[in-house]
Amino acid sequence: MKGAFVWAIFALTLAVLAAAPFFLEAYGLGLLIGLLGYVTLASAWGLFSGRTGYVSLATVAFFGVGAYAVAALNEVLPYPLVLLVAALAGLGLALAVGLSTLRLAGVYFVIFTFGLAELVRQLVTWYEINVTGTLGRYIFMDLGPEHIYWQLLALAAATLFITWRIDRSRLGLALRVIADDEVVAAHLGIDLARTKLALFALSSVIVTLVGAIQAPRWTYIEPAIVFNPTVSFLTLVMALLGGASRLWGPALGAVPLFLLFEWLSANFPNHYSILLGLLFIAIVFALPKGVFAFAEMHLKTRGGEKRIVPVEAESKP
């Protein structure tokens, strides 16, 4: 009953959000596009990293690949095919990376994924300068901001639904075992490599599509724009704040932090990175498992205290 109520609220929220372009002006719609983009990125990040314990900083690598695929192909292919090619490019990169790195663990995987994002940026920059003779590309597509918004809304809803289905499947159970102890998972017969690779590929394709869908919004892109490492760090912080292993956690963390980051970047542009780093440290120390876990622990503690009172009262003469 509780689950049905939550999904009813979710459906109602989707309906309201779908109608937003008819009522909002350009600035408000642009804000919602950015917000939905990070909600989807954080949810996709939590789909893999939140359920396996592998902290990835490669988000911006796949995001940028999606954006550049649109920039390179928008004049030669129909838009649906451009999105398909972008998704396939993200899938190919994810499989190549996953097959070679998912045996790494802990800080080694974090370092590799961070280096991967920088490697992809440098390769794209080298190709643009030495092969095409330019550094950036223009995107001219007949897509209004409302079309970009509706695509992102559909992708965000699909990401949450996929996450919900996985959490309630045998794959979700296997992921929980892997996150607790990979040795135990291997002894139980779980195919560690295949399970992690499948989830990493799915998460990466979603991130790639976010970059591809948002690319027409900029009109002009270059490596410094779409491969900005801030995207990876913001996604990570948002997912951790809400609770990366929870269904609604990353979205819950993305909404307030995106609005806060927008305000900070507008009012403190020269200190934005410092404030972001301090906020990240504060979240790691104060809410290591996210807002949901903190709230549950607090409620359980208060509930336990309430249950103790009547027992003590009854024991008194």
C-alpha atoms as a PDB file:
ATOM      1  CA  MET A   1       0.000   0.000   0.000  1.00  0.00           C
ATOM      2  CA  LYS A   2       2.841   2.323   0.881  1.00  0.00           C
ATOM      3  CA  GLY A   3       4.600   1.521  -2.391  1.00  0.00           C
ATOM      4  CA  ALA A   4       1.438   2.203  -4.397  1.00  0.00           C
ATOM      5  CA  PHE A   5       1.054   5.574  -2.687  1.00  0.00           C
ATOM      6  CA  VAL A   6       4.666   6.514  -3.479  1.00  0.00           C
ATOM      7  CA  TRP A   7       4.274   5.585  -7.140  1.00  0.00           C
ATOM      8  CA  ALA A   8       0.995   7.497  -7.316  1.00  0.00           C
ATOM      9  CA  ILE A   9       2.796  10.587  -6.040  1.00  0.00           C
ATOM     10  CA  PHE A  10       5.554   9.916  -8.573  1.00  0.00           C
ATOM     11  CA  ALA A  11       3.051   9.693 -11.458  1.00  0.00           C
ATOM     12  CA  LEU A  12       1.331  12.894 -10.327  1.00  0.00           C
ATOM     13  CA  THR A  13       4.683  14.669 -10.100  1.00  0.00           C
ATOM     14  CA  LEU A  14       5.587  13.513 -13.613  1.00  0.00           C
ATOM     15  CA  ALA A  15       2.288  14.842 -14.947  1.00  0.00           C
ATOM     16  CA  VAL A  16       2.870  18.234 -13.312  1.00  0.00           C
ATOM     17  CA  LEU A  17       6.456  18.396 -14.571  1.00  0.00           C
ATOM     18  CA  ALA A  18       5.393  17.406 -18.088  1.00  0.00           C
ATOM     19  CA  ALA A  19       3.063  20.408 -18.181  1.00  0.00           C
ATOM     20  CA  ALA A  20       5.706  22.833 -16.851  1.00  0.00           C
ATOM     21  CA  PRO A  21       6.884  24.155 -20.276  1.00  0.00           C
ATOM     22  CA  PHE A  22       3.401  25.534 -20.908  1.00  0.00           C
ATOM     23  CA  PHE A  23       3.605  27.772 -17.847  1.00  0.00           C
ATOM     24  CA  LEU A  24       7.277  28.619 -17.319  1.00  0.00           C
ATOM     25  CA  GLU A  25       9.350  31.300 -18.984  1.00  0.00           C
ATOM     26  CA  ALA A  26      12.734  30.643 -20.596  1.00  0.00           C
ATOM     27  CA  TYR A  27      14.783  31.024 -17.398  1.00  0.00           C
ATOM     28  CA  GLY A  28      12.572  28.697 -15.347  1.00  0.00           C
ATOM     29  CA  LEU A  29      12.544  26.077 -18.079  1.00  0.00           C
ATOM     30  CA  GLY A  30      16.325  26.282 -18.424  1.00  0.00           C
ATOM     31  CA  LEU A  31      16.643  25.763 -14.686  1.00  0.00           C
ATOM     32  CA  LEU A  32      14.436  22.674 -14.850  1.00  0.00           C
ATOM     33  CA  ILE A  33      16.475  21.274 -17.752  1.00  0.00           C
ATOM     34  CA  GLY A  34      19.667  21.561 -15.717  1.00  0.00           C
ATOM     35  CA  LEU A  35      17.936  20.080 -12.672  1.00  0.00           C
ATOM     36  CA  LEU A  36      16.541  17.087 -14.576  1.00  0.00           C
ATOM     37  CA  GLY A  37      19.934  16.496 -16.146  1.00  0.00           C
ATOM     38  CA  TYR A  38      21.583  16.169 -12.738  1.00  0.00           C
ATOM     39  CA  VAL A  39      18.706  14.128 -11.292  1.00  0.00           C
ATOM     40  CA  THR A  40      19.254  11.626 -14.100  1.00  0.00           C
ATOM     41  CA  LEU A  41      23.047  11.696 -13.790  1.00  0.00           C
ATOM     42  CA  ALA A  42      22.929  11.174 -10.023  1.00  0.00           C
ATOM     43  CA  SER A  43      20.366   8.366 -10.342  1.00  0.00           C
ATOM     44  CA  ALA A  44      22.439   6.640 -13.038  1.00  0.00           C
ATOM     45  CA  TRP A  45      25.572   7.026 -10.899  1.00  0.00           C
ATOM     46  CA  GLY A  46      23.776   5.511  -7.924  1.00  0.00           C
ATOM     47  CA  LEU A  47      22.531   2.645 -10.100  1.00  0.00           C
ATOM     48  CA  PHE A  48      26.105   1.374 -10.407  1.00  0.00           C
ATOM     49  CA  SER A  49      28.282   2.952  -7.733  1.00  0.00           C
ATOM     50  CA  GLY A  50      25.638   3.021  -5.019  1.00  0.00           C
ATOM     51  CA  ARG A  51      24.949  -0.697  -5.419  1.00  0.00           C
ATOM     52  CA  THR A  52      28.459  -2.030  -5.931  1.00  0.00           C
ATOM     53  CA  GLY A  53      30.561   0.317  -3.803  1.00  0.00           C
ATOM     54  CA  TYR A  54      32.740   1.209  -6.815  1.00  0.00           C
ATOM     55  CA  VAL A  55      33.124   4.996  -6.810  1.00  0.00           C
ATOM     56  CA  SER A  56      33.293   6.206 -10.407  1.00  0.00           C
ATOM     57  CA  LEU A  57      34.551   9.615 -11.512  1.00  0.00           C
ATOM     58  CA  ALA A  58      34.100   8.810 -15.202  1.00  0.00           C
ATOM     59  CA  THR A  59      30.642  10.392 -15.430  1.00  0.00           C
ATOM     60  CA  VAL A  60      31.839  13.338 -17.484  1.00  0.00           C
ATOM     61  CA  ALA A  61      33.690  11.060 -19.935  1.00  0.00           C
ATOM     62  CA  PHE A  62      30.428   9.419 -21.017  1.00  0.00           C
ATOM     63  CA  PHE A  63      28.522  12.704 -20.799  1.00  0.00           C
ATOM     64  CA  GLY A  64      31.015  14.348 -23.149  1.00  0.00           C
ATOM     65  CA  VAL A  65      31.012  11.409 -25.569  1.00  0.00           C
ATOM     66  CA  GLY A  66      27.250  11.732 -25.899  1.00  0.00           C
ATOM     67  CA  ALA A  67      27.451  15.469 -26.514  1.00  0.00           C
ATOM     68  CA  TYR A  68      30.211  15.142 -29.111  1.00  0.00           C
ATOM     69  CA  ALA A  69      28.385  12.350 -30.929  1.00  0.00           C
ATOM     70  CA  VAL A  70      25.472  14.737 -31.455  1.00  0.00           C
ATOM     71  CA  ALA A  71      27.817  17.543 -32.530  1.00  0.00           C
ATOM     72  CA  ALA A  72      29.540  15.316 -35.067  1.00  0.00           C
ATOM     73  CA  LEU A  73      26.481  13.601 -36.536  1.00  0.00           C
ATOM     74  CA  ASN A  74      23.605  16.069 -36.274  1.00  0.00           C
ATOM     75  CA  GLU A  75      24.023  17.216 -39.894  1.00  0.00           C
ATOM     76  CA  VAL A  76      24.264  13.740 -41.439  1.00  0.00           C
ATOM     77  CA  LEU A  77      21.758  11.603 -39.499  1.00  0.00           C
ATOM     78  CA  PRO A  78      18.195  12.002 -38.234  1.00  0.00           C
ATOM     79  CA  TYR A  79      18.026  12.916 -34.577  1.00  0.00           C
ATOM     80  CA  PRO A  80      16.718   9.515 -33.334  1.00  0.00           C
ATOM     81  CA  LEU A  81      19.615   7.780 -35.091  1.00  0.00           C
ATOM     82  CA  VAL A  82      22.057  10.281 -33.594  1.00  0.00           C
ATOM     83  CA  LEU A  83      20.822   9.349 -30.118  1.00  0.00           C
ATOM     84  CA  LEU A  84      21.139   5.657 -30.979  1.00  0.00           C
ATOM     85  CA  VAL A  85      24.721   6.091 -32.216  1.00  0.00           C
ATOM     86  CA  ALA A  86      25.561   8.104 -29.077  1.00  0.00           C
ATOM     87  CA  ALA A  87      24.148   5.338 -26.867  1.00  0.00           C
ATOM     88  CA  LEU A  88      26.153   2.719 -28.773  1.00  0.00           C
ATOM     89  CA  ALA A  89      29.315   4.819 -28.423  1.00  0.00           C
ATOM     90  CA  GLY A  90      28.747   5.045 -24.684  1.00  0.00           C
ATOM     91  CA  LEU A  91      28.092   1.310 -24.523  1.00  0.00           C
ATOM     92  CA  GLY A  92      31.287   0.519 -26.425  1.00  0.00           C
ATOM     93  CA  LEU A  93      33.374   2.743 -24.167  1.00  0.00           C
ATOM     94  CA  ALA A  94      31.736   1.269 -21.053  1.00  0.00           C
ATOM     95  CA  LEU A  95      32.434  -2.301 -22.158  1.00  0.00           C
ATOM     96  CA  ALA A  96      36.055  -1.489 -22.976  1.00  0.00           C
ATOM     97  CA  VAL A  97      36.563   0.251 -19.640  1.00  0.00           C
ATOM     98  CA  GLY A  98      34.601  -2.291 -17.624  1.00  0.00           C
ATOM     99  CA  LEU A  99      36.370  -5.337 -19.027  1.00  0.00           C
ATOM    100  CA  SER A 100      39.765  -3.863 -18.204  1.00  0.00           C
ATOM    101  CA  THR A 101      39.129  -2.105 -14.883  1.00  0.00           C
ATOM    102  CA  LEU A 102      36.270  -3.645 -12.902  1.00  0.00           C
ATOM    103  CA  ARG A 103      38.716  -6.059 -11.314  1.00  0.00           C
ATOM    104  CA  LEU A 104      40.264  -3.029  -9.625  1.00  0.00           C
ATOM    105  CA  ALA A 105      38.823  -1.976  -6.303  1.00  0.00           C
ATOM    106  CA  GLY A 106      38.885   0.903  -3.885  1.00  0.00           C
ATOM    107  CA  VAL A 107      41.060   3.896  -4.620  1.00  0.00           C
ATOM    108  CA  TYR A 108      42.569   2.289  -7.744  1.00  0.00           C
ATOM    109  CA  PHE A 109      39.218   2.264  -9.521  1.00  0.00           C
ATOM    110  CA  VAL A 110      38.551   5.865  -8.457  1.00  0.00           C
ATOM    111  CA  ILE A 111      41.921   7.017  -9.813  1.00  0.00           C
ATOM    112  CA  PHE A 112      41.463   5.140 -13.077  1.00  0.00           C
ATOM    113  CA  THR A 113      38.002   6.558 -13.762  1.00  0.00           C
ATOM    114  CA  PHE A 114      39.211  10.082 -13.023  1.00  0.00           C
ATOM    115  CA  GLY A 115      42.126   9.557 -15.398  1.00  0.00           C
ATOM    116  CA  LEU A 116      39.785   8.126 -18.017  1.00  0.00           C
ATOM    117  CA  ALA A 117      37.752  11.329 -18.132  1.00  0.00           C
ATOM    118  CA  GLU A 118      40.899  13.391 -18.654  1.00  0.00           C
ATOM    119  CA  LEU A 119      42.219  10.928 -21.254  1.00  0.00           C
ATOM    120  CA  VAL A 120      39.031  11.128 -23.315  1.00  0.00           C
ATOM    121  CA  ARG A 121      39.080  14.931 -23.130  1.00  0.00           C
ATOM    122  CA  GLN A 122      42.675  15.085 -24.334  1.00  0.00           C
ATOM    123  CA  LEU A 123      42.025  12.605 -27.154  1.00  0.00           C
ATOM    124  CA  VAL A 124      39.031  14.582 -28.398  1.00  0.00           C
ATOM    125  CA  THR A 125      41.029  17.827 -28.180  1.00  0.00           C
ATOM    126  CA  TRP A 126      43.929  16.290 -30.124  1.00  0.00           C
ATOM    127  CA  TYR A 127      41.574  14.960 -32.806  1.00  0.00           C
ATOM    128  CA  GLU A 128      39.795  18.275 -33.211  1.00  0.00           C
ATOM    129  CA  ILE A 129      42.997  20.298 -33.514  1.00  0.00           C
ATOM    130  CA  ASN A 130      45.047  17.910 -35.658  1.00  0.00           C
ATOM    131  CA  VAL A 131      42.406  16.224 -37.812  1.00  0.00           C
ATOM    132  CA  THR A 132      39.478  18.599 -38.190  1.00  0.00           C
ATOM    133  CA  GLY A 133      41.556  21.751 -37.734  1.00  0.00           C
ATOM    134  CA  THR A 134      39.198  23.273 -35.187  1.00  0.00           C
ATOM    135  CA  LEU A 135      38.574  23.036 -31.459  1.00  0.00           C
ATOM    136  CA  GLY A 136      34.792  23.247 -31.208  1.00  0.00           C
ATOM    137  CA  ARG A 137      31.651  22.405 -33.132  1.00  0.00           C
ATOM    138  CA  TYR A 138      28.324  24.097 -33.757  1.00  0.00           C
ATOM    139  CA  ILE A 139      25.017  22.274 -33.330  1.00  0.00           C
ATOM    140  CA  PHE A 140      22.082  23.498 -35.392  1.00  0.00           C
ATOM    141  CA  MET A 141      18.994  21.430 -34.680  1.00  0.00           C
ATOM    142  CA  ASP A 142      15.316  22.223 -34.804  1.00  0.00           C
ATOM    143  CA  LEU A 143      14.792  21.423 -31.123  1.00  0.00           C
ATOM    144  CA  GLY A 144      13.334  23.873 -28.659  1.00  0.00           C
ATOM    145  CA  PRO A 145      14.112  23.823 -24.924  1.00  0.00           C
ATOM    146  CA  GLU A 146      10.758  22.171 -24.259  1.00  0.00           C
ATOM    147  CA  HIS A 147      11.750  19.184 -26.446  1.00  0.00           C
ATOM    148  CA  ILE A 148      15.025  18.781 -24.572  1.00  0.00           C
ATOM    149  CA  TYR A 149      13.133  19.052 -21.288  1.00  0.00           C
ATOM    150  CA  TRP A 150      10.589  16.369 -22.177  1.00  0.00           C
ATOM    151  CA  GLN A 151      13.325  13.989 -23.335  1.00  0.00           C
ATOM    152  CA  LEU A 152      15.219  14.438 -20.069  1.00  0.00           C
ATOM    153  CA  LEU A 153      12.025  13.963 -18.060  1.00  0.00           C
ATOM    154  CA  ALA A 154      11.321  10.688 -19.869  1.00  0.00           C
ATOM    155  CA  LEU A 155      14.920   9.522 -19.363  1.00  0.00           C
ATOM    156  CA  ALA A 156      14.823  10.406 -15.650  1.00  0.00           C
ATOM    157  CA  ALA A 157      11.567   8.482 -15.188  1.00  0.00           C
ATOM    158  CA  ALA A 158      12.972   5.499 -17.104  1.00  0.00           C
ATOM    159  CA  THR A 159      16.146   5.529 -14.977  1.00  0.00           C
ATOM    160  CA  LEU A 160      14.143   5.460 -11.736  1.00  0.00           C
ATOM    161  CA  PHE A 161      11.908   2.675 -13.053  1.00  0.00           C
ATOM    162  CA  ILE A 162      14.896   0.585 -14.178  1.00  0.00           C
ATOM    163  CA  THR A 163      16.540   1.074 -10.791  1.00  0.00           C
ATOM    164  CA  TRP A 164      13.332   0.017  -9.027  1.00  0.00           C
ATOM    165  CA  ARG A 165      13.083  -3.135 -11.148  1.00  0.00           C
ATOM    166  CA  ILE A 166      16.725  -4.062 -10.599  1.00  0.00           C
ATOM    167  CA  ASP A 167      16.468  -3.577  -6.830  1.00  0.00           C
ATOM    168  CA  ARG A 168      13.622  -6.108  -6.751  1.00  0.00           C
ATOM    169  CA  SER A 169      15.265  -8.680  -9.002  1.00  0.00           C
ATOM    170  CA  ARG A 170      17.850 -11.397  -8.494  1.00  0.00           C
ATOM    171  CA  LEU A 171      20.400  -8.986  -9.936  1.00  0.00           C
ATOM    172  CA  GLY A 172      19.628  -6.531  -7.140  1.00  0.00           C
ATOM    173  CA  LEU A 173      20.134  -9.238  -4.538  1.00  0.00           C
ATOM    174  CA  ALA A 174      23.444 -10.201  -6.143  1.00  0.00           C
ATOM    175  CA  LEU A 175      24.544  -6.567  -6.101  1.00  0.00           C
ATOM    176  CA  ARG A 176      23.812  -6.236  -2.390  1.00  0.00           C
ATOM    177  CA  VAL A 177      25.960  -9.290  -1.702  1.00  0.00           C
ATOM    178  CA  ILE A 178      28.763  -7.922  -3.888  1.00  0.00           C
ATOM    179  CA  ALA A 179      28.655  -4.584  -2.071  1.00  0.00           C
ATOM    180  CA  ASP A 180      28.909  -6.344   1.312  1.00  0.00           C
ATOM    181  CA  ASP A 181      31.678  -8.806   0.448  1.00  0.00           C
ATOM    182  CA  GLU A 182      32.885  -9.835  -3.014  1.00  0.00           C
ATOM    183  CA  VAL A 183      34.594 -12.962  -1.670  1.00  0.00           C
ATOM    184  CA  VAL A 184      31.332 -14.210  -0.204  1.00  0.00           C
ATOM    185  CA  ALA A 185      29.521 -13.319  -3.436  1.00  0.00           C
ATOM    186  CA  ALA A 186      32.017 -15.354  -5.468  1.00  0.00           C
ATOM    187  CA  HIS A 187      31.605 -18.362  -3.135  1.00  0.00           C
ATOM    188  CA  LEU A 188      27.842 -18.122  -3.589  1.00  0.00           C
ATOM    189  CA  GLY A 189      28.294 -18.543  -7.328  1.00  0.00           C
ATOM    190  CA  ILE A 190      27.648 -14.947  -8.410  1.00  0.00           C
ATOM    191  CA  ASP A 191      29.447 -14.004 -11.615  1.00  0.00           C
ATOM    192  CA  LEU A 192      31.145 -10.859 -10.326  1.00  0.00           C
ATOM    193  CA  ALA A 193      32.615  -9.663 -13.609  1.00  0.00           C
ATOM    194  CA  ARG A 194      29.436 -10.102 -15.654  1.00  0.00           C
ATOM    195  CA  THR A 195      27.164  -8.564 -13.007  1.00  0.00           C
ATOM    196  CA  LYS A 196      29.314  -5.467 -12.487  1.00  0.00           C
ATOM    197  CA  LEU A 197      29.933  -5.043 -16.206  1.00  0.00           C
ATOM    198  CA  ALA A 198      26.214  -5.199 -17.052  1.00  0.00           C
ATOM    199  CA  LEU A 199      25.340  -2.564 -14.469  1.00  0.00           C
ATOM    200  CA  PHE A 200      28.274  -0.320 -15.380  1.00  0.00           C
ATOM    201  CA  ALA A 201      27.301  -0.470 -19.061  1.00  0.00           C
ATOM    202  CA  LEU A 202      23.660   0.356 -18.318  1.00  0.00           C
ATOM    203  CA  SER A 203      24.604   3.269 -16.080  1.00  0.00           C
ATOM    204  CA  SER A 204      27.083   4.603 -18.643  1.00  0.00           C
ATOM    205  CA  VAL A 205      24.577   4.474 -21.507  1.00  0.00           C
ATOM    206  CA  ILE A 206      22.116   6.552 -19.468  1.00  0.00           C
ATOM    207  CA  VAL A 207      24.814   9.123 -18.690  1.00  0.00           C
ATOM    208  CA  THR A 208      25.781   9.230 -22.381  1.00  0.00           C
ATOM    209  CA  LEU A 209      22.175   9.915 -23.355  1.00  0.00           C
ATOM    210  CA  VAL A 210      21.991  12.791 -20.868  1.00  0.00           C
ATOM    211  CA  GLY A 211      24.940  14.431 -22.617  1.00  0.00           C
ATOM    212  CA  ALA A 212      23.475  13.734 -26.058  1.00  0.00           C
ATOM    213  CA  ILE A 213      20.044  15.136 -25.191  1.00  0.00           C
ATOM    214  CA  GLN A 214      21.478  18.286 -23.620  1.00  0.00           C
ATOM    215  CA  ALA A 215      23.997  18.988 -26.410  1.00  0.00           C
ATOM    216  CA  PRO A 216      21.617  21.021 -28.640  1.00  0.00           C
ATOM    217  CA  ARG A 217      21.016  23.325 -25.696  1.00  0.00           C
ATOM    218  CA  TRP A 218      24.517  24.812 -25.995  1.00  0.00           C
ATOM    219  CA  THR A 219      24.592  25.375 -29.785  1.00  0.00           C
ATOM    220  CA  TYR A 220      28.412  25.466 -29.570  1.00  0.00           C
ATOM    221  CA  ILE A 221      30.489  22.900 -27.698  1.00  0.00           C
ATOM    222  CA  GLU A 222      34.164  22.219 -27.142  1.00  0.00           C
ATOM    223  CA  PRO A 223      36.069  19.763 -24.920  1.00  0.00           C
ATOM    224  CA  ALA A 224      36.437  22.232 -22.034  1.00  0.00           C
ATOM    225  CA  ILE A 225      32.638  22.578 -21.880  1.00  0.00           C
ATOM    226  CA  VAL A 226      31.391  18.995 -22.118  1.00  0.00           C
ATOM    227  CA  PHE A 227      34.353  17.300 -20.393  1.00  0.00           C
ATOM    228  CA  ASN A 228      34.352  19.602 -17.375  1.00  0.00           C
ATOM    229  CA  PRO A 229      35.327  17.431 -14.337  1.00  0.00           C
ATOM    230  CA  THR A 230      32.921  19.438 -12.184  1.00  0.00           C
ATOM    231  CA  VAL A 231      30.110  17.363 -13.700  1.00  0.00           C
ATOM    232  CA  SER A 232      31.562  14.179 -12.188  1.00  0.00           C
ATOM    233  CA  PHE A 233      32.077  15.720  -8.763  1.00  0.00           C
ATOM    234  CA  LEU A 234      28.637  17.346  -8.630  1.00  0.00           C
ATOM    235  CA  THR A 235      27.005  14.062  -9.587  1.00  0.00           C
ATOM    236  CA  LEU A 236      28.953  12.250  -6.877  1.00  0.00           C
ATOM    237  CA  VAL A 237      28.104  14.783  -4.168  1.00  0.00           C
ATOM    238  CA  MET A 238      24.408  14.794  -5.086  1.00  0.00           C
ATOM    239  CA  ALA A 239      24.143  11.003  -4.996  1.00  0.00           C
ATOM    240  CA  LEU A 240      25.978  10.775  -1.677  1.00  0.00           C
ATOM    241  CA  LEU A 241      23.820  13.440  -0.052  1.00  0.00           C
ATOM    242  CA  GLY A 242      20.553  11.694  -0.763  1.00  0.00           C
ATOM    243  CA  GLY A 243      21.897   8.166  -0.351  1.00  0.00           C
ATOM    244  CA  ALA A 244      23.463   6.529  -3.411  1.00  0.00           C
ATOM    245  CA  SER A 245      22.102   3.055  -2.632  1.00  0.00           C
ATOM    246  CA  ARG A 246      18.470   4.215  -2.338  1.00  0.00           C
ATOM    247  CA  LEU A 247      15.969   4.471  -5.158  1.00  0.00           C
ATOM    248  CA  TRP A 248      14.977   8.070  -4.463  1.00  0.00           C
ATOM    249  CA  GLY A 249      18.206   9.082  -2.727  1.00  0.00           C
ATOM    250  CA  PRO A 250      20.191  10.531  -5.653  1.00  0.00           C
ATOM    251  CA  ALA A 251      17.188  12.524  -6.881  1.00  0.00           C
ATOM    252  CA  LEU A 252      16.575  13.814  -3.363  1.00  0.00           C
ATOM    253  CA  GLY A 253      20.181  14.966  -3.152  1.00  0.00           C
ATOM    254  CA  ALA A 254      20.238  16.460  -6.652  1.00  0.00           C
ATOM    255  CA  VAL A 255      17.328  18.881  -6.224  1.00  0.00           C
ATOM    256  CA  PRO A 256      18.561  21.036  -3.299  1.00  0.00           C
ATOM    257  CA  LEU A 257      22.232  20.826  -4.253  1.00  0.00           C
ATOM    258  CA  PHE A 258      21.626  21.864  -7.854  1.00  0.00           C
ATOM    259  CA  LEU A 259      19.719  24.936  -6.690  1.00  0.00           C
ATOM    260  CA  LEU A 260      22.459  25.682  -4.158  1.00  0.00           C
ATOM    261  CA  PHE A 261      25.208  25.291  -6.761  1.00  0.00           C
ATOM    262  CA  GLU A 262      23.371  27.583  -9.152  1.00  0.00           C
ATOM    263  CA  TRP A 263      23.198  30.238  -6.465  1.00  0.00           C
ATOM    264  CA  LEU A 264      26.842  29.785  -5.461  1.00  0.00           C
ATOM    265  CA  SER A 265      28.125  29.951  -9.042  1.00  0.00           C
ATOM    266  CA  ALA A 266      26.122  33.124  -9.662  1.00  0.00           C
ATOM    267  CA  ASN A 267      27.114  34.898  -6.441  1.00  0.00           C
ATOM    268  CA  PHE A 268      30.584  33.477  -5.733  1.00  0.00           C
ATOM    269  CA  PRO A 269      32.060  32.580  -9.145  1.00  0.00           C
ATOM    270  CA  ASN A 270      35.660  32.943  -7.932  1.00  0.00           C
ATOM    271  CA  HIS A 271      35.171  30.762  -4.851  1.00  0.00           C
ATOM    272  CA  TYR A 272      32.767  28.228  -6.306  1.00  0.00           C
ATOM    273  CA  SER A 273      35.257  25.328  -6.431  1.00  0.00           C
ATOM    274  CA  ILE A 274      36.412  25.922  -2.854  1.00  0.00           C
ATOM    275  CA  LEU A 275      32.846  25.957  -1.557  1.00  0.00           C
ATOM    276  CA  LEU A 276      32.085  22.790  -3.529  1.00  0.00           C
ATOM    277  CA  GLY A 277      35.055  21.015  -1.945  1.00  0.00           C
ATOM    278  CA  LEU A 278      34.079  22.093   1.564  1.00  0.00           C
ATOM    279  CA  LEU A 279      30.521  20.920   0.990  1.00  0.00           C
ATOM    280  CA  PHE A 280      31.740  17.552  -0.260  1.00  0.00           C
ATOM    281  CA  ILE A 281      33.878  17.088   2.861  1.00  0.00           C
ATOM    282  CA  ALA A 282      30.963  18.066   5.102  1.00  0.00           C
ATOM    283  CA  ILE A 283      28.640  15.544   3.436  1.00  0.00           C
ATOM    284  CA  VAL A 284      31.171  12.712   3.708  1.00  0.00           C
ATOM    285  CA  PHE A 285      31.703  13.350   7.429  1.00  0.00           C
ATOM    286  CA  ALA A 286      28.172  14.304   8.495  1.00  0.00           C
ATOM    287  CA  LEU A 287      26.052  12.124   6.186  1.00  0.00           C
ATOM    288  CA  PRO A 288      28.250   9.262   4.933  1.00  0.00           C
ATOM    289  CA  LYS A 289      25.220   7.122   4.006  1.00  0.00           C
ATOM    290  CA  GLY A 290      22.916   9.915   2.905  1.00  0.00           C
ATOM    291  CA  VAL A 291      19.882  11.749   4.208  1.00  0.00           C
ATOM    292  CA  PHE A 292      17.589   8.718   4.084  1.00  0.00           C
ATOM    293  CA  ALA A 293      19.895   6.565   6.222  1.00  0.00           C
ATOM    294  CA  PHE A 294      20.410   9.422   8.695  1.00  0.00           C
ATOM    295  CA  ALA A 295      16.655   9.985   8.995  1.00  0.00           C
ATOM    296  CA  GLU A 296      15.960   6.263   9.477  1.00  0.00           C
ATOM    297  CA  MET A 297      18.626   5.949  12.152  1.00  0.00           C
ATOM    298  CA  HIS A 298      17.286   9.027  13.941  1.00  0.00           C
ATOM    299  CA  LEU A 299      13.712   7.756  13.829  1.00  0.00           C
ATOM    300  CA  LYS A 300      14.723   4.307  15.063  1.00  0.00           C
ATOM    301  CA  THR A 301      16.640   5.867  17.944  1.00  0.00           C
ATOM    302  CA  ARG A 302      13.659   7.983  18.957  1.00  0.00           C
ATOM    303  CA  GLY A 303      11.325   5.037  18.518  1.00  0.00           C
ATOM    304  CA  GLY A 304      13.533   2.892  20.735  1.00  0.00           C
ATOM    305  CA  GLU A 305      13.510   5.537  23.431  1.00  0.00           C
ATOM    306  CA  LYS A 306       9.724   5.720  23.295  1.00  0.00           C
ATOM    307  CA  ARG A 307       9.381   1.950  23.681  1.00  0.00           C
ATOM    308  CA  ILE A 308      11.616   1.883  26.729  1.00  0.00           C
ATOM    309  CA  VAL A 309       9.525   4.382  28.709  1.00  0.00           C
ATOM    310  CA  PRO A 310       6.394   2.268  29.271  1.00  0.00           C
ATOM    311  CA  VAL A 311       8.478  -0.804  30.211  1.00  0.00           C
ATOM    312  CA  GLU A 312      10.371   1.144  32.856  1.00  0.00           C
ATOM    313  CA  ALA A 313       7.139   2.695  34.081  1.00  0.00           C
ATOM    314  CA  GLU A 314       5.476  -0.690  34.464  1.00  0.00           C
ATOM    315  CA  SER A 315       8.452  -2.077  36.409  1.00  0.00           C
ATOM    316  CA  LYS A 316       8.150   0.623  39.053  1.00  0.00           C
ATOM    317  CA  PRO A 317       6.147  -0.305  42.254  1.00  0.00           C
END
